[in-house]
Amino acid sequence: MFYVYVIKSKKDNQLYVGATSNLEKRFREHNQGYVESTKERKPFDLIYYEASLSKYDAYRREKYLKTAYGKKYIKNRLRDYIDQNYSTGQG
């Protein structure tokens, strides 16, 4: 399995999209500061993921979710989560 995931920084509330074949390990690496692009933004919450049987499909989906249309998709897909967290001051 290959995974596309969205994590949210508890430090700055920004979202990060990534892809991996080992979701648990990769999430742990983000939170331990081993990922260069996110090490200054830890800790994180895993807020969304999709599973795929194809590595190519997963990485293509990751690339899409990083576009303006993909970001809009994420915000629409996670609307209830985002609204709930921002209305309670957690986001």
C-alpha atoms as a PDB file:
ATOM      1  CA  MET A   1       0.000   0.000   0.000  1.00  0.00           C
ATOM      2  CA  PHE A   2       0.994   3.575  -0.630  1.00  0.00           C
ATOM      3  CA  TYR A   3      -0.474   6.518   1.202  1.00  0.00           C
ATOM      4  CA  VAL A   4      -1.089  10.187   0.546  1.00  0.00           C
ATOM      5  CA  TYR A   5      -1.501  12.067   3.798  1.00  0.00           C
ATOM      6  CA  VAL A   6      -2.223  15.491   5.221  1.00  0.00           C
ATOM      7  CA  ILE A   7      -0.746  16.566   8.528  1.00  0.00           C
ATOM      8  CA  LYS A   8      -1.473  19.771  10.405  1.00  0.00           C
ATOM      9  CA  SER A   9       1.154  21.579  12.411  1.00  0.00           C
ATOM     10  CA  LYS A  10       0.147  22.288  15.999  1.00  0.00           C
ATOM     11  CA  LYS A  11       2.713  25.086  15.974  1.00  0.00           C
ATOM     12  CA  ASP A  12       1.500  27.173  13.023  1.00  0.00           C
ATOM     13  CA  ASN A  13      -1.718  25.361  11.941  1.00  0.00           C
ATOM     14  CA  GLN A  14      -0.396  24.911   8.405  1.00  0.00           C
ATOM     15  CA  LEU A  15      -1.099  21.782   6.393  1.00  0.00           C
ATOM     16  CA  TYR A  16       1.521  19.571   4.759  1.00  0.00           C
ATOM     17  CA  VAL A  17       0.807  16.950   2.090  1.00  0.00           C
ATOM     18  CA  GLY A  18       3.067  13.952   1.576  1.00  0.00           C
ATOM     19  CA  ALA A  19       3.178  10.394   0.266  1.00  0.00           C
ATOM     20  CA  THR A  20       4.778   7.254   1.655  1.00  0.00           C
ATOM     21  CA  SER A  21       4.643   3.489   1.738  1.00  0.00           C
ATOM     22  CA  ASN A  22       4.777   3.407   5.557  1.00  0.00           C
ATOM     23  CA  LEU A  23       2.360   5.929   7.044  1.00  0.00           C
ATOM     24  CA  GLU A  24       3.044   5.221  10.721  1.00  0.00           C
ATOM     25  CA  LYS A  25       6.818   5.508  10.288  1.00  0.00           C
ATOM     26  CA  ARG A  26       6.586   8.667   8.179  1.00  0.00           C
ATOM     27  CA  PHE A  27       4.233  10.358  10.657  1.00  0.00           C
ATOM     28  CA  ARG A  28       6.629   9.490  13.479  1.00  0.00           C
ATOM     29  CA  GLU A  29       9.530  10.954  11.450  1.00  0.00           C
ATOM     30  CA  HIS A  30       7.623  14.226  11.008  1.00  0.00           C
ATOM     31  CA  ASN A  31       6.967  14.482  14.744  1.00  0.00           C
ATOM     32  CA  GLN A  32      10.551  13.611  15.679  1.00  0.00           C
ATOM     33  CA  GLY A  33      11.931  16.333  13.386  1.00  0.00           C
ATOM     34  CA  TYR A  34      13.607  13.969  10.903  1.00  0.00           C
ATOM     35  CA  VAL A  35      11.881  15.501   7.855  1.00  0.00           C
ATOM     36  CA  GLU A  36      13.805  18.557   6.684  1.00  0.00           C
ATOM     37  CA  SER A  37      10.808  20.384   5.200  1.00  0.00           C
ATOM     38  CA  THR A  38       8.716  20.146   8.384  1.00  0.00           C
ATOM     39  CA  LYS A  39      11.162  19.890  11.270  1.00  0.00           C
ATOM     40  CA  GLU A  40      10.600  23.498  12.406  1.00  0.00           C
ATOM     41  CA  ARG A  41       6.804  23.055  12.410  1.00  0.00           C
ATOM     42  CA  LYS A  42       6.382  20.030  14.705  1.00  0.00           C
ATOM     43  CA  PRO A  43       4.374  18.580  16.419  1.00  0.00           C
ATOM     44  CA  PHE A  44       1.720  17.390  13.958  1.00  0.00           C
ATOM     45  CA  ASP A  45      -1.700  15.810  13.861  1.00  0.00           C
ATOM     46  CA  LEU A  46      -2.520  13.368  11.064  1.00  0.00           C
ATOM     47  CA  ILE A  47      -5.817  14.715   9.754  1.00  0.00           C
ATOM     48  CA  TYR A  48      -6.357  12.829   6.488  1.00  0.00           C
ATOM     49  CA  TYR A  49      -4.990  10.019   4.367  1.00  0.00           C
ATOM     50  CA  GLU A  50      -5.836   8.008   1.277  1.00  0.00           C
ATOM     51  CA  ALA A  51      -4.540   4.533   0.431  1.00  0.00           C
ATOM     52  CA  SER A  52      -3.552   3.333  -3.029  1.00  0.00           C
ATOM     53  CA  LEU A  53      -2.260   0.058  -4.414  1.00  0.00           C
ATOM     54  CA  SER A  54      -0.027   1.900  -6.882  1.00  0.00           C
ATOM     55  CA  LYS A  55       3.000   3.977  -5.940  1.00  0.00           C
ATOM     56  CA  TYR A  56       2.557   5.962  -9.148  1.00  0.00           C
ATOM     57  CA  ASP A  57      -1.080   6.769  -8.318  1.00  0.00           C
ATOM     58  CA  ALA A  58      -0.199   7.845  -4.774  1.00  0.00           C
ATOM     59  CA  TYR A  59       2.596  10.186  -5.834  1.00  0.00           C
ATOM     60  CA  ARG A  60       0.488  11.615  -8.650  1.00  0.00           C
ATOM     61  CA  ARG A  61      -2.296  12.276  -6.107  1.00  0.00           C
ATOM     62  CA  GLU A  62       0.206  13.954  -3.769  1.00  0.00           C
ATOM     63  CA  LYS A  63       1.313  16.242  -6.589  1.00  0.00           C
ATOM     64  CA  TYR A  64      -2.324  17.128  -7.337  1.00  0.00           C
ATOM     65  CA  LEU A  65      -3.161  17.857  -3.693  1.00  0.00           C
ATOM     66  CA  LYS A  66      -0.298  20.356  -3.598  1.00  0.00           C
ATOM     67  CA  THR A  67      -1.858  22.415  -6.420  1.00  0.00           C
ATOM     68  CA  ALA A  68      -4.397  25.201  -5.896  1.00  0.00           C
ATOM     69  CA  TYR A  69      -7.209  22.859  -6.948  1.00  0.00           C
ATOM     70  CA  GLY A  70      -5.922  20.138  -4.643  1.00  0.00           C
ATOM     71  CA  LYS A  71      -5.725  22.507  -1.680  1.00  0.00           C
ATOM     72  CA  LYS A  72      -9.284  23.545  -2.389  1.00  0.00           C
ATOM     73  CA  TYR A  73     -10.295  19.869  -2.471  1.00  0.00           C
ATOM     74  CA  ILE A  74      -8.664  19.239   0.921  1.00  0.00           C
ATOM     75  CA  LYS A  75     -10.350  22.241   2.517  1.00  0.00           C
ATOM     76  CA  ASN A  76     -13.708  21.179   1.085  1.00  0.00           C
ATOM     77  CA  ARG A  77     -13.200  17.509   2.042  1.00  0.00           C
ATOM     78  CA  LEU A  78     -12.198  18.445   5.601  1.00  0.00           C
ATOM     79  CA  ARG A  79     -14.648  21.324   5.965  1.00  0.00           C
ATOM     80  CA  ASP A  80     -16.268  20.041   9.175  1.00  0.00           C
ATOM     81  CA  TYR A  81     -12.896  19.331  10.804  1.00  0.00           C
ATOM     82  CA  ILE A  82     -11.482  22.711   9.816  1.00  0.00           C
ATOM     83  CA  ASP A  83     -14.625  24.629  10.833  1.00  0.00           C
ATOM     84  CA  GLN A  84     -14.779  22.833  14.176  1.00  0.00           C
ATOM     85  CA  ASN A  85     -11.137  23.486  15.003  1.00  0.00           C
ATOM     86  CA  TYR A  86     -11.162  27.123  13.946  1.00  0.00           C
ATOM     87  CA  SER A  87     -14.421  27.873  15.785  1.00  0.00           C
ATOM     88  CA  THR A  88     -13.018  26.428  19.018  1.00  0.00           C
ATOM     89  CA  GLY A  89      -9.695  28.238  18.662  1.00  0.00           C
ATOM     90  CA  GLN A  90      -7.718  25.033  18.085  1.00  0.00           C
ATOM     91  CA  GLY A  91      -6.872  25.714  14.471  1.00  0.00           C
END
